[in-house]
């Protein structure tokens, strides 16, 4: 296995794991997740929807092939992270804890970049 391919899978599995880890409380309507998301002004019915969407996106980036779906999944996961970051800043102002979001964004972009790099190597 090439170094790029191995790097892609390590980064992608870590990123997908993070997204799944954040989706499960939403799907299960855990009280802390409900408090956090409704505290940002979102309705309760949005919570399981976004949890399922994150789960499907995380699964899609892990399945080999499905290139068009994978592109959409990366875009959807980006909008989820961007929306969460924007909502957090809009509601609570800039807090140093929001800098944590650099990590999932970094993993997202690195996974996407490495995915394209591995696809180019196969051609």
PDB file of N, CA and C in Angstrom:
ATOM      1  N   UNK A   1       0.856  -1.183   0.000  1.00  0.00           N
ATOM      2  CA  UNK A   1       0.000   0.000   0.000  1.00  0.00           C
ATOM      3  C   UNK A   1       0.896   1.238   0.000  1.00  0.00           C
ATOM      4  N   UNK A   2       0.592   2.153  -0.888  1.00  0.00           N
ATOM      5  CA  UNK A   2       1.403   3.355  -1.001  1.00  0.00           C
ATOM      6  C   UNK A   2       1.200   4.258   0.215  1.00  0.00           C
ATOM      7  N   UNK A   3       2.209   5.088   0.440  1.00  0.00           N
ATOM      8  CA  UNK A   3       2.187   6.003   1.582  1.00  0.00           C
ATOM      9  C   UNK A   3       0.987   6.963   1.524  1.00  0.00           C
ATOM     10  N   UNK A   4       0.684   7.458   0.337  1.00  0.00           N
ATOM     11  CA  UNK A   4      -0.448   8.384   0.185  1.00  0.00           C
ATOM     12  C   UNK A   4      -1.765   7.690   0.507  1.00  0.00           C
ATOM     13  N   UNK A   5      -1.925   6.473   0.028  1.00  0.00           N
ATOM     14  CA  UNK A   5      -3.158   5.722   0.270  1.00  0.00           C
ATOM     15  C   UNK A   5      -3.318   5.425   1.758  1.00  0.00           C
ATOM     16  N   UNK A   6      -2.225   5.026   2.392  1.00  0.00           N
ATOM     17  CA  UNK A   6      -2.273   4.749   3.830  1.00  0.00           C
ATOM     18  C   UNK A   6      -2.613   6.018   4.607  1.00  0.00           C
ATOM     19  N   UNK A   7      -1.993   7.120   4.244  1.00  0.00           N
ATOM     20  CA  UNK A   7      -2.292   8.402   4.902  1.00  0.00           C
ATOM     21  C   UNK A   7      -3.750   8.781   4.714  1.00  0.00           C
ATOM     22  N   UNK A   8      -4.252   8.585   3.489  1.00  0.00           N
ATOM     23  CA  UNK A   8      -5.653   8.896   3.212  1.00  0.00           C
ATOM     24  C   UNK A   8      -6.575   8.113   4.139  1.00  0.00           C
ATOM     25  N   UNK A   9      -6.345   6.814   4.259  1.00  0.00           N
ATOM     26  CA  UNK A   9      -7.238   5.992   5.074  1.00  0.00           C
ATOM     27  C   UNK A   9      -7.135   6.338   6.557  1.00  0.00           C
ATOM     28  N   UNK A  10      -5.957   6.630   7.042  1.00  0.00           N
ATOM     29  CA  UNK A  10      -5.805   6.999   8.457  1.00  0.00           C
ATOM     30  C   UNK A  10      -6.562   8.292   8.748  1.00  0.00           C
ATOM     31  N   UNK A  11      -6.347   9.301   7.928  1.00  0.00           N
ATOM     32  CA  UNK A  11      -6.995  10.606   8.132  1.00  0.00           C
ATOM     33  C   UNK A  11      -8.507  10.489   7.952  1.00  0.00           C
ATOM     34  N   UNK A  12      -8.936   9.767   6.929  1.00  0.00           N
ATOM     35  CA  UNK A  12     -10.364   9.648   6.633  1.00  0.00           C
ATOM     36  C   UNK A  12     -11.097   8.872   7.720  1.00  0.00           C
ATOM     37  N   UNK A  13     -10.501   7.794   8.207  1.00  0.00           N
ATOM     38  CA  UNK A  13     -11.137   7.033   9.295  1.00  0.00           C
ATOM     39  C   UNK A  13     -11.228   7.878  10.559  1.00  0.00           C
ATOM     40  N   UNK A  14     -10.184   8.646  10.846  1.00  0.00           N
ATOM     41  CA  UNK A  14     -10.225   9.528  12.029  1.00  0.00           C
ATOM     42  C   UNK A  14     -11.312  10.589  11.869  1.00  0.00           C
ATOM     43  N   UNK A  15     -11.399  11.198  10.690  1.00  0.00           N
ATOM     44  CA  UNK A  15     -12.403  12.230  10.452  1.00  0.00           C
ATOM     45  C   UNK A  15     -13.814  11.652  10.502  1.00  0.00           C
ATOM     46  N   UNK A  16     -14.006  10.513   9.837  1.00  0.00           N
ATOM     47  CA  UNK A  16     -15.328   9.868   9.853  1.00  0.00           C
ATOM     48  C   UNK A  16     -15.712   9.474  11.271  1.00  0.00           C
ATOM     49  N   UNK A  17     -14.746   9.001  12.042  1.00  0.00           N
ATOM     50  CA  UNK A  17     -15.010   8.659  13.443  1.00  0.00           C
ATOM     51  C   UNK A  17     -15.451   9.871  14.243  1.00  0.00           C
ATOM     52  N   UNK A  18     -14.792  11.002  14.023  1.00  0.00           N
ATOM     53  CA  UNK A  18     -15.188  12.241  14.708  1.00  0.00           C
ATOM     54  C   UNK A  18     -16.616  12.624  14.340  1.00  0.00           C
ATOM     55  N   UNK A  19     -16.940  12.550  13.045  1.00  0.00           N
ATOM     56  CA  UNK A  19     -18.278  12.931  12.611  1.00  0.00           C
ATOM     57  C   UNK A  19     -19.332  11.972  13.161  1.00  0.00           C
ATOM     58  N   UNK A  20     -19.026  10.678  13.183  1.00  0.00           N
ATOM     59  CA  UNK A  20     -19.964   9.705  13.775  1.00  0.00           C
ATOM     60  C   UNK A  20     -20.117   9.944  15.273  1.00  0.00           C
ATOM     61  N   UNK A  21     -18.994  10.228  15.931  1.00  0.00           N
ATOM     62  CA  UNK A  21     -19.021  10.491  17.370  1.00  0.00           C
ATOM     63  C   UNK A  21     -19.904  11.699  17.691  1.00  0.00           C
ATOM     64  N   UNK A  22     -19.905  12.692  16.795  1.00  0.00           N
ATOM     65  CA  UNK A  22     -20.750  13.865  17.029  1.00  0.00           C
ATOM     66  C   UNK A  22     -22.186  13.651  16.552  1.00  0.00           C
ATOM     67  N   UNK A  23     -22.414  12.651  15.695  1.00  0.00           N
ATOM     68  CA  UNK A  23     -23.762  12.403  15.164  1.00  0.00           C
ATOM     69  C   UNK A  23     -24.615  11.560  16.105  1.00  0.00           C
ATOM     70  N   UNK A  24     -24.007  10.649  16.822  1.00  0.00           N
ATOM     71  CA  UNK A  24     -24.767   9.723  17.674  1.00  0.00           C
ATOM     72  C   UNK A  24     -25.601  10.450  18.728  1.00  0.00           C
ATOM     73  N   UNK A  25     -25.041  11.435  19.465  1.00  0.00           N
ATOM     74  CA  UNK A  25     -25.891  12.157  20.424  1.00  0.00           C
ATOM     75  C   UNK A  25     -27.062  12.885  19.765  1.00  0.00           C
ATOM     76  N   UNK A  26     -26.850  13.348  18.537  1.00  0.00           N
ATOM     77  CA  UNK A  26     -27.936  14.033  17.826  1.00  0.00           C
ATOM     78  C   UNK A  26     -29.053  13.050  17.481  1.00  0.00           C
ATOM     79  N   UNK A  27     -28.684  11.897  16.958  1.00  0.00           N
ATOM     80  CA  UNK A  27     -29.680  10.893  16.578  1.00  0.00           C
ATOM     81  C   UNK A  27     -30.447  10.416  17.806  1.00  0.00           C
ATOM     82  N   UNK A  28     -29.743  10.235  18.917  1.00  0.00           N
ATOM     83  CA  UNK A  28     -30.362   9.726  20.143  1.00  0.00           C
ATOM     84  C   UNK A  28     -31.058  10.825  20.955  1.00  0.00           C
ATOM     85  N   UNK A  29     -30.943  12.068  20.476  1.00  0.00           N
ATOM     86  CA  UNK A  29     -31.547  13.214  21.178  1.00  0.00           C
ATOM     87  C   UNK A  29     -31.074  13.286  22.637  1.00  0.00           C
ATOM     88  N   UNK A  30     -29.778  13.151  22.830  1.00  0.00           N
ATOM     89  CA  UNK A  30     -29.178  13.259  24.163  1.00  0.00           C
ATOM     90  C   UNK A  30     -29.462  14.667  24.692  1.00  0.00           C
ATOM     91  N   UNK A  31     -29.878  14.795  25.954  1.00  0.00           N
ATOM     92  CA  UNK A  31     -30.243  16.117  26.482  1.00  0.00           C
ATOM     93  C   UNK A  31     -29.183  17.207  26.290  1.00  0.00           C
ATOM     94  N   UNK A  32     -27.901  16.867  26.440  1.00  0.00           N
ATOM     95  CA  UNK A  32     -26.854  17.884  26.238  1.00  0.00           C
ATOM     96  C   UNK A  32     -26.824  18.378  24.792  1.00  0.00           C
ATOM     97  N   UNK A  33     -27.007  17.463  23.841  1.00  0.00           N
ATOM     98  CA  UNK A  33     -27.032  17.854  22.428  1.00  0.00           C
ATOM     99  C   UNK A  33     -28.257  18.716  22.134  1.00  0.00           C
ATOM    100  N   UNK A  34     -29.389  18.346  22.701  1.00  0.00           N
ATOM    101  CA  UNK A  34     -30.620  19.118  22.507  1.00  0.00           C
ATOM    102  C   UNK A  34     -30.447  20.521  23.081  1.00  0.00           C
ATOM    103  N   UNK A  35     -29.895  20.622  24.273  1.00  0.00           N
ATOM    104  CA  UNK A  35     -29.680  21.927  24.906  1.00  0.00           C
ATOM    105  C   UNK A  35     -28.739  22.791  24.078  1.00  0.00           C
ATOM    106  N   UNK A  36     -27.658  22.185  23.600  1.00  0.00           N
ATOM    107  CA  UNK A  36     -26.685  22.954  22.832  1.00  0.00           C
ATOM    108  C   UNK A  36     -27.283  23.446  21.512  1.00  0.00           C
ATOM    109  N   UNK A  37     -27.940  22.572  20.784  1.00  0.00           N
ATOM    110  CA  UNK A  37     -28.431  22.945  19.452  1.00  0.00           C
ATOM    111  C   UNK A  37     -29.654  23.854  19.546  1.00  0.00           C
ATOM    112  N   UNK A  38     -30.569  23.584  20.462  1.00  0.00           N
ATOM    113  CA  UNK A  38     -31.718  24.496  20.608  1.00  0.00           C
ATOM    114  C   UNK A  38     -31.263  25.832  21.190  1.00  0.00           C
ATOM    115  N   UNK A  39     -30.179  25.831  21.957  1.00  0.00           N
ATOM    116  CA  UNK A  39     -29.624  27.074  22.489  1.00  0.00           C
ATOM    117  C   UNK A  39     -29.088  27.983  21.393  1.00  0.00           C
ATOM    118  N   UNK A  40     -28.796  27.404  20.247  1.00  0.00           N
ATOM    119  CA  UNK A  40     -28.337  28.203  19.102  1.00  0.00           C
ATOM    120  C   UNK A  40     -29.501  28.651  18.230  1.00  0.00           C
ATOM    121  N   UNK A  41     -30.727  28.285  18.651  1.00  0.00           N
ATOM    122  CA  UNK A  41     -31.908  28.736  17.924  1.00  0.00           C
ATOM    123  C   UNK A  41     -32.482  27.742  16.926  1.00  0.00           C
ATOM    124  N   UNK A  42     -31.911  26.548  16.868  1.00  0.00           N
ATOM    125  CA  UNK A  42     -32.431  25.543  15.937  1.00  0.00           C
ATOM    126  C   UNK A  42     -33.585  24.772  16.574  1.00  0.00           C
ATOM    127  N   UNK A  43     -34.565  24.345  15.780  1.00  0.00           N
ATOM    128  CA  UNK A  43     -35.693  23.583  16.332  1.00  0.00           C
ATOM    129  C   UNK A  43     -35.269  22.149  16.664  1.00  0.00           C
ATOM    130  N   UNK A  44     -36.027  21.523  17.542  1.00  0.00           N
ATOM    131  CA  UNK A  44     -35.711  20.154  17.966  1.00  0.00           C
ATOM    132  C   UNK A  44     -35.731  19.161  16.813  1.00  0.00           C
ATOM    133  N   UNK A  45     -36.628  19.347  15.855  1.00  0.00           N
ATOM    134  CA  UNK A  45     -36.716  18.384  14.762  1.00  0.00           C
ATOM    135  C   UNK A  45     -35.462  18.389  13.880  1.00  0.00           C
ATOM    136  N   UNK A  46     -34.669  19.439  13.954  1.00  0.00           N
ATOM    137  CA  UNK A  46     -33.445  19.542  13.176  1.00  0.00           C
ATOM    138  C   UNK A  46     -32.350  18.611  13.712  1.00  0.00           C
ATOM    139  N   UNK A  47     -32.393  18.305  14.991  1.00  0.00           N
ATOM    140  CA  UNK A  47     -31.310  17.579  15.649  1.00  0.00           C
ATOM    141  C   UNK A  47     -31.127  16.162  15.094  1.00  0.00           C
ATOM    142  N   UNK A  48     -32.157  15.307  15.063  1.00  0.00           N
ATOM    143  CA  UNK A  48     -31.924  13.976  14.486  1.00  0.00           C
ATOM    144  C   UNK A  48     -31.644  14.029  12.984  1.00  0.00           C
ATOM    145  N   UNK A  49     -32.213  15.017  12.286  1.00  0.00           N
ATOM    146  CA  UNK A  49     -31.948  15.163  10.858  1.00  0.00           C
ATOM    147  C   UNK A  49     -30.464  15.385  10.600  1.00  0.00           C
ATOM    148  N   UNK A  50     -29.856  16.312  11.321  1.00  0.00           N
ATOM    149  CA  UNK A  50     -28.444  16.609  11.096  1.00  0.00           C
ATOM    150  C   UNK A  50     -27.576  15.430  11.551  1.00  0.00           C
ATOM    151  N   UNK A  51     -28.003  14.709  12.577  1.00  0.00           N
ATOM    152  CA  UNK A  51     -27.275  13.522  13.021  1.00  0.00           C
ATOM    153  C   UNK A  51     -27.260  12.433  11.968  1.00  0.00           C
ATOM    154  N   UNK A  52     -28.403  12.183  11.359  1.00  0.00           N
ATOM    155  CA  UNK A  52     -28.484  11.173  10.296  1.00  0.00           C
ATOM    156  C   UNK A  52     -27.681  11.632   9.083  1.00  0.00           C
ATOM    157  N   UNK A  53     -27.751  12.908   8.738  1.00  0.00           N
ATOM    158  CA  UNK A  53     -27.000  13.427   7.597  1.00  0.00           C
ATOM    159  C   UNK A  53     -25.492  13.265   7.824  1.00  0.00           C
ATOM    160  N   UNK A  54     -25.017  13.562   9.033  1.00  0.00           N
ATOM    161  CA  UNK A  54     -23.589  13.383   9.339  1.00  0.00           C
ATOM    162  C   UNK A  54     -23.196  11.911   9.261  1.00  0.00           C
ATOM    163  N   UNK A  55     -24.058  11.042   9.746  1.00  0.00           N
ATOM    164  CA  UNK A  55     -23.780   9.603   9.694  1.00  0.00           C
ATOM    165  C   UNK A  55     -23.668   9.121   8.255  1.00  0.00           C
ATOM    166  N   UNK A  56     -24.616   9.503   7.424  1.00  0.00           N
ATOM    167  CA  UNK A  56     -24.581   9.102   6.019  1.00  0.00           C
ATOM    168  C   UNK A  56     -23.354   9.664   5.308  1.00  0.00           C
ATOM    169  N   UNK A  57     -22.992  10.897   5.620  1.00  0.00           N
ATOM    170  CA  UNK A  57     -21.796  11.498   5.026  1.00  0.00           C
ATOM    171  C   UNK A  57     -20.530  10.775   5.450  1.00  0.00           C
ATOM    172  N   UNK A  58     -20.442  10.429   6.725  1.00  0.00           N
ATOM    173  CA  UNK A  58     -19.265   9.707   7.224  1.00  0.00           C
ATOM    174  C   UNK A  58     -19.150   8.332   6.575  1.00  0.00           C
ATOM    175  N   UNK A  59     -20.271   7.665   6.406  1.00  0.00           N
ATOM    176  CA  UNK A  59     -20.260   6.349   5.746  1.00  0.00           C
ATOM    177  C   UNK A  59     -19.860   6.501   4.276  1.00  0.00           C
ATOM    178  N   UNK A  60     -20.380   7.528   3.624  1.00  0.00           N
ATOM    179  CA  UNK A  60     -20.104   7.723   2.197  1.00  0.00           C
ATOM    180  C   UNK A  60     -18.625   7.965   1.923  1.00  0.00           C
ATOM    181  N   UNK A  61     -17.942   8.701   2.796  1.00  0.00           N
ATOM    182  CA  UNK A  61     -16.524   8.955   2.527  1.00  0.00           C
ATOM    183  C   UNK A  61     -15.663   7.728   2.809  1.00  0.00           C
ATOM    184  N   UNK A  62     -16.221   6.741   3.507  1.00  0.00           N
ATOM    185  CA  UNK A  62     -15.471   5.523   3.798  1.00  0.00           C
ATOM    186  C   UNK A  62     -15.633   4.437   2.728  1.00  0.00           C
ATOM    187  N   UNK A  63     -16.670   4.516   1.928  1.00  0.00           N
ATOM    188  CA  UNK A  63     -16.928   3.482   0.916  1.00  0.00           C
ATOM    189  C   UNK A  63     -16.100   3.787  -0.327  1.00  0.00           C
ATOM    190  N   UNK A  64     -15.240   2.848  -0.734  1.00  0.00           N
ATOM    191  CA  UNK A  64     -14.457   3.070  -1.959  1.00  0.00           C
ATOM    192  C   UNK A  64     -15.377   3.214  -3.176  1.00  0.00           C
ATOM    193  N   UNK A  65     -14.927   4.001  -4.131  1.00  0.00           N
ATOM    194  CA  UNK A  65     -15.758   4.271  -5.300  1.00  0.00           C
ATOM    195  C   UNK A  65     -16.762   5.359  -4.970  1.00  0.00           C
ATOM    196  N   UNK A  66     -17.908   5.298  -5.542  1.00  0.00           N
ATOM    197  CA  UNK A  66     -18.990   6.268  -5.297  1.00  0.00           C
ATOM    198  C   UNK A  66     -18.478   7.708  -5.360  1.00  0.00           C
ATOM    199  N   UNK A  67     -17.696   8.017  -6.396  1.00  0.00           N
ATOM    200  CA  UNK A  67     -17.014   9.307  -6.439  1.00  0.00           C
ATOM    201  C   UNK A  67     -17.947  10.506  -6.367  1.00  0.00           C
ATOM    202  N   UNK A  68     -19.043  10.467  -7.092  1.00  0.00           N
ATOM    203  CA  UNK A  68     -19.954  11.615  -7.073  1.00  0.00           C
ATOM    204  C   UNK A  68     -20.608  11.773  -5.699  1.00  0.00           C
ATOM    205  N   UNK A  69     -21.024  10.681  -5.107  1.00  0.00           N
ATOM    206  CA  UNK A  69     -21.631  10.733  -3.768  1.00  0.00           C
ATOM    207  C   UNK A  69     -20.609  11.217  -2.743  1.00  0.00           C
ATOM    208  N   UNK A  70     -19.375  10.763  -2.905  1.00  0.00           N
ATOM    209  CA  UNK A  70     -18.311  11.170  -1.987  1.00  0.00           C
ATOM    210  C   UNK A  70     -18.073  12.678  -2.063  1.00  0.00           C
ATOM    211  N   UNK A  71     -18.105  13.242  -3.266  1.00  0.00           N
ATOM    212  CA  UNK A  71     -17.961  14.699  -3.418  1.00  0.00           C
ATOM    213  C   UNK A  71     -19.065  15.425  -2.650  1.00  0.00           C
ATOM    214  N   UNK A  72     -20.302  14.960  -2.814  1.00  0.00           N
ATOM    215  CA  UNK A  72     -21.427  15.570  -2.108  1.00  0.00           C
ATOM    216  C   UNK A  72     -21.281  15.392  -0.590  1.00  0.00           C
ATOM    217  N   UNK A  73     -20.803  14.235  -0.176  1.00  0.00           N
ATOM    218  CA  UNK A  73     -20.630  13.980   1.260  1.00  0.00           C
ATOM    219  C   UNK A  73     -19.604  14.932   1.857  1.00  0.00           C
ATOM    220  N   UNK A  74     -18.477  15.107   1.174  1.00  0.00           N
ATOM    221  CA  UNK A  74     -17.471  16.055   1.664  1.00  0.00           C
ATOM    222  C   UNK A  74     -18.056  17.464   1.753  1.00  0.00           C
ATOM    223  N   UNK A  75     -18.828  17.852   0.734  1.00  0.00           N
ATOM    224  CA  UNK A  75     -19.446  19.183   0.754  1.00  0.00           C
ATOM    225  C   UNK A  75     -20.420  19.308   1.920  1.00  0.00           C
ATOM    226  N   UNK A  76     -21.248  18.296   2.119  1.00  0.00           N
ATOM    227  CA  UNK A  76     -22.213  18.331   3.224  1.00  0.00           C
ATOM    228  C   UNK A  76     -21.536  18.385   4.584  1.00  0.00           C
ATOM    229  N   UNK A  77     -20.471  17.628   4.750  1.00  0.00           N
ATOM    230  CA  UNK A  77     -19.751  17.635   6.029  1.00  0.00           C
ATOM    231  C   UNK A  77     -19.069  18.988   6.253  1.00  0.00           C
ATOM    232  N   UNK A  78     -18.576  19.595   5.170  1.00  0.00           N
ATOM    233  CA  UNK A  78     -18.013  20.940   5.291  1.00  0.00           C
ATOM    234  C   UNK A  78     -19.080  21.925   5.762  1.00  0.00           C
ATOM    235  N   UNK A  79     -20.258  21.890   5.132  1.00  0.00           N
ATOM    236  CA  UNK A  79     -21.321  22.823   5.522  1.00  0.00           C
ATOM    237  C   UNK A  79     -21.783  22.572   6.959  1.00  0.00           C
ATOM    238  N   UNK A  80     -21.786  21.327   7.386  1.00  0.00           N
ATOM    239  CA  UNK A  80     -22.127  21.027   8.772  1.00  0.00           C
ATOM    240  C   UNK A  80     -21.127  21.679   9.718  1.00  0.00           C
ATOM    241  N   UNK A  81     -19.834  21.490   9.454  1.00  0.00           N
ATOM    242  CA  UNK A  81     -18.802  22.071  10.318  1.00  0.00           C
ATOM    243  C   UNK A  81     -18.818  23.597  10.265  1.00  0.00           C
ATOM    244  N   UNK A  82     -18.978  24.135   9.054  1.00  0.00           N
ATOM    245  CA  UNK A  82     -19.019  25.590   8.909  1.00  0.00           C
ATOM    246  C   UNK A  82     -20.232  26.171   9.625  1.00  0.00           C
ATOM    247  N   UNK A  83     -21.387  25.521   9.459  1.00  0.00           N
ATOM    248  CA  UNK A  83     -22.603  25.986  10.128  1.00  0.00           C
ATOM    249  C   UNK A  83     -22.491  25.923  11.638  1.00  0.00           C
ATOM    250  N   UNK A  84     -21.888  24.864  12.148  1.00  0.00           N
ATOM    251  CA  UNK A  84     -21.703  24.741  13.595  1.00  0.00           C
ATOM    252  C   UNK A  84     -20.766  25.831  14.119  1.00  0.00           C
ATOM    253  N   UNK A  85     -19.698  26.091  13.380  1.00  0.00           N
ATOM    254  CA  UNK A  85     -18.743  27.128  13.790  1.00  0.00           C
ATOM    255  C   UNK A  85     -19.395  28.501  13.742  1.00  0.00           C
ATOM    256  N   UNK A  86     -20.067  28.794  12.648  1.00  0.00           N
ATOM    257  CA  UNK A  86     -20.732  30.091  12.502  1.00  0.00           C
ATOM    258  C   UNK A  86     -21.798  30.281  13.577  1.00  0.00           C
ATOM    259  N   UNK A  87     -22.610  29.248  13.809  1.00  0.00           N
ATOM    260  CA  UNK A  87     -23.674  29.349  14.807  1.00  0.00           C
ATOM    261  C   UNK A  87     -23.104  29.588  16.195  1.00  0.00           C
ATOM    262  N   UNK A  88     -22.029  28.884  16.511  1.00  0.00           N
ATOM    263  CA  UNK A  88     -21.401  29.069  17.818  1.00  0.00           C
ATOM    264  C   UNK A  88     -20.889  30.479  18.018  1.00  0.00           C
ATOM    265  N   UNK A  89     -20.287  31.042  16.976  1.00  0.00           N
ATOM    266  CA  UNK A  89     -19.774  32.418  17.065  1.00  0.00           C
ATOM    267  C   UNK A  89     -20.922  33.418  17.088  1.00  0.00           C
ATOM    268  N   UNK A  90     -21.955  33.192  16.273  1.00  0.00           N
ATOM    269  CA  UNK A  90     -23.084  34.121  16.205  1.00  0.00           C
ATOM    270  C   UNK A  90     -23.830  34.204  17.530  1.00  0.00           C
ATOM    271  N   UNK A  91     -23.954  33.075  18.223  1.00  0.00           N
ATOM    272  CA  UNK A  91     -24.722  33.047  19.466  1.00  0.00           C
ATOM    273  C   UNK A  91     -23.882  33.475  20.670  1.00  0.00           C
ATOM    274  N   UNK A  92     -22.663  32.942  20.770  1.00  0.00           N
ATOM    275  CA  UNK A  92     -21.859  33.190  21.964  1.00  0.00           C
ATOM    276  C   UNK A  92     -20.686  34.113  21.778  1.00  0.00           C
ATOM    277  N   UNK A  93     -20.528  34.685  20.584  1.00  0.00           N
ATOM    278  CA  UNK A  93     -19.352  35.490  20.313  1.00  0.00           C
ATOM    279  C   UNK A  93     -18.136  34.584  20.167  1.00  0.00           C
ATOM    280  N   UNK A  94     -17.014  35.181  19.845  1.00  0.00           N
ATOM    281  CA  UNK A  94     -15.814  34.371  19.680  1.00  0.00           C
ATOM    282  C   UNK A  94     -15.298  33.931  21.047  1.00  0.00           C
ATOM    283  N   UNK A  95     -15.219  32.632  21.213  1.00  0.00           N
ATOM    284  CA  UNK A  95     -14.663  32.035  22.425  1.00  0.00           C
ATOM    285  C   UNK A  95     -13.429  31.230  22.012  1.00  0.00           C
ATOM    286  N   UNK A  96     -12.384  31.193  22.824  1.00  0.00           N
ATOM    287  CA  UNK A  96     -11.192  30.412  22.455  1.00  0.00           C
ATOM    288  C   UNK A  96     -11.496  28.939  22.168  1.00  0.00           C
ATOM    289  N   UNK A  97     -12.536  28.378  22.781  1.00  0.00           N
ATOM    290  CA  UNK A  97     -12.878  26.971  22.561  1.00  0.00           C
ATOM    291  C   UNK A  97     -13.281  26.703  21.114  1.00  0.00           C
ATOM    292  N   UNK A  98     -13.726  27.726  20.398  1.00  0.00           N
ATOM    293  CA  UNK A  98     -14.141  27.531  19.007  1.00  0.00           C
ATOM    294  C   UNK A  98     -12.941  27.196  18.124  1.00  0.00           C
ATOM    295  N   UNK A  99     -11.742  27.496  18.591  1.00  0.00           N
ATOM    296  CA  UNK A  99     -10.532  27.163  17.837  1.00  0.00           C
ATOM    297  C   UNK A  99     -10.352  25.658  17.685  1.00  0.00           C
ATOM    298  N   UNK A 100     -11.044  24.877  18.521  1.00  0.00           N
ATOM    299  CA  UNK A 100     -11.024  23.415  18.381  1.00  0.00           C
ATOM    300  C   UNK A 100     -11.497  22.991  16.997  1.00  0.00           C
ATOM    301  N   UNK A 101     -12.362  23.782  16.398  1.00  0.00           N
ATOM    302  CA  UNK A 101     -12.933  23.434  15.089  1.00  0.00           C
ATOM    303  C   UNK A 101     -11.872  23.397  13.986  1.00  0.00           C
ATOM    304  N   UNK A 102     -10.685  23.931  14.258  1.00  0.00           N
ATOM    305  CA  UNK A 102      -9.595  23.843  13.296  1.00  0.00           C
ATOM    306  C   UNK A 102      -9.251  22.374  13.031  1.00  0.00           C
ATOM    307  N   UNK A 103      -9.350  21.530  14.053  1.00  0.00           N
ATOM    308  CA  UNK A 103      -9.013  20.113  13.893  1.00  0.00           C
ATOM    309  C   UNK A 103      -9.936  19.388  12.914  1.00  0.00           C
ATOM    310  N   UNK A 104     -11.257  19.399  13.116  1.00  0.00           N
ATOM    311  CA  UNK A 104     -12.092  18.703  12.138  1.00  0.00           C
ATOM    312  C   UNK A 104     -12.003  19.303  10.733  1.00  0.00           C
ATOM    313  N   UNK A 105     -11.870  20.635  10.640  1.00  0.00           N
ATOM    314  CA  UNK A 105     -11.700  21.244   9.318  1.00  0.00           C
ATOM    315  C   UNK A 105     -10.402  20.757   8.673  1.00  0.00           C
ATOM    316  N   UNK A 106      -9.346  20.689   9.463  1.00  0.00           N
ATOM    317  CA  UNK A 106      -8.064  20.209   8.944  1.00  0.00           C
ATOM    318  C   UNK A 106      -8.149  18.771   8.455  1.00  0.00           C
ATOM    319  N   UNK A 107      -8.793  17.907   9.244  1.00  0.00           N
ATOM    320  CA  UNK A 107      -8.959  16.516   8.840  1.00  0.00           C
ATOM    321  C   UNK A 107      -9.833  16.407   7.590  1.00  0.00           C
ATOM    322  N   UNK A 108     -10.880  17.229   7.510  1.00  0.00           N
ATOM    323  CA  UNK A 108     -11.746  17.229   6.329  1.00  0.00           C
ATOM    324  C   UNK A 108     -10.958  17.586   5.079  1.00  0.00           C
ATOM    325  N   UNK A 109     -10.241  18.699   5.115  1.00  0.00           N
ATOM    326  CA  UNK A 109      -9.505  19.141   3.935  1.00  0.00           C
ATOM    327  C   UNK A 109      -8.369  18.184   3.584  1.00  0.00           C
ATOM    328  N   UNK A 110      -7.691  17.647   4.592  1.00  0.00           N
ATOM    329  CA  UNK A 110      -6.614  16.701   4.330  1.00  0.00           C
ATOM    330  C   UNK A 110      -7.162  15.412   3.719  1.00  0.00           C
ATOM    331  N   UNK A 111      -8.268  14.925   4.237  1.00  0.00           N
ATOM    332  CA  UNK A 111      -8.893  13.726   3.683  1.00  0.00           C
ATOM    333  C   UNK A 111      -9.305  13.955   2.234  1.00  0.00           C
ATOM    334  N   UNK A 112      -9.930  15.086   1.970  1.00  0.00           N
ATOM    335  CA  UNK A 112     -10.372  15.410   0.614  1.00  0.00           C
ATOM    336  C   UNK A 112      -9.185  15.522  -0.337  1.00  0.00           C
ATOM    337  N   UNK A 113      -8.141  16.201   0.085  1.00  0.00           N
ATOM    338  CA  UNK A 113      -6.938  16.364  -0.727  1.00  0.00           C
ATOM    339  C   UNK A 113      -6.292  15.012  -1.026  1.00  0.00           C
ATOM    340  N   UNK A 114      -6.137  14.189   0.006  1.00  0.00           N
ATOM    341  CA  UNK A 114      -5.508  12.878  -0.178  1.00  0.00           C
ATOM    342  C   UNK A 114      -6.374  11.956  -1.041  1.00  0.00           C
ATOM    343  N   UNK A 115      -7.687  12.073  -0.924  1.00  0.00           N
ATOM    344  CA  UNK A 115      -8.579  11.272  -1.763  1.00  0.00           C
ATOM    345  C   UNK A 115      -8.334  11.586  -3.237  1.00  0.00           C
ATOM    346  N   UNK A 116      -8.272  12.887  -3.554  1.00  0.00           N
ATOM    347  CA  UNK A 116      -8.004  13.276  -4.938  1.00  0.00           C
ATOM    348  C   UNK A 116      -6.607  12.842  -5.373  1.00  0.00           C
ATOM    349  N   UNK A 117      -5.668  12.911  -4.484  1.00  0.00           N
ATOM    350  CA  UNK A 117      -4.296  12.503  -4.826  1.00  0.00           C
ATOM    351  C   UNK A 117      -4.234  11.002  -5.108  1.00  0.00           C
ATOM    352  N   UNK A 118      -4.936  10.200  -4.310  1.00  0.00           N
ATOM    353  CA  UNK A 118      -4.930   8.742  -4.555  1.00  0.00           C
ATOM    354  C   UNK A 118      -5.662   8.414  -5.850  1.00  0.00           C
ATOM    355  N   UNK A 119      -6.713   9.147  -6.161  1.00  0.00           N
ATOM    356  CA  UNK A 119      -7.433   8.919  -7.428  1.00  0.00           C
ATOM    357  C   UNK A 119      -6.541   9.246  -8.619  1.00  0.00           C
ATOM    358  N   UNK A 120      -5.750  10.303  -8.512  1.00  0.00           N
ATOM    359  CA  UNK A 120      -4.860  10.702  -9.608  1.00  0.00           C
ATOM    360  C   UNK A 120      -3.748   9.670  -9.806  1.00  0.00           C
ATOM    361  N   UNK A 121      -3.313   9.056  -8.732  1.00  0.00           N
ATOM    362  CA  UNK A 121      -2.249   8.058  -8.831  1.00  0.00           C
ATOM    363  C   UNK A 121      -2.730   6.785  -9.525  1.00  0.00           C
ATOM    364  N   UNK A 122      -4.017   6.485  -9.402  1.00  0.00           N
ATOM    365  CA  UNK A 122      -4.572   5.275 -10.020  1.00  0.00           C
ATOM    366  C   UNK A 122      -4.717   5.399 -11.531  1.00  0.00           C
ATOM    367  N   UNK A 123      -4.740   6.616 -12.035  1.00  0.00           N
ATOM    368  CA  UNK A 123      -4.972   6.823 -13.477  1.00  0.00           C
ATOM    369  C   UNK A 123      -3.698   6.634 -14.259  1.00  0.00           C
TER     370      UNK A 123
END
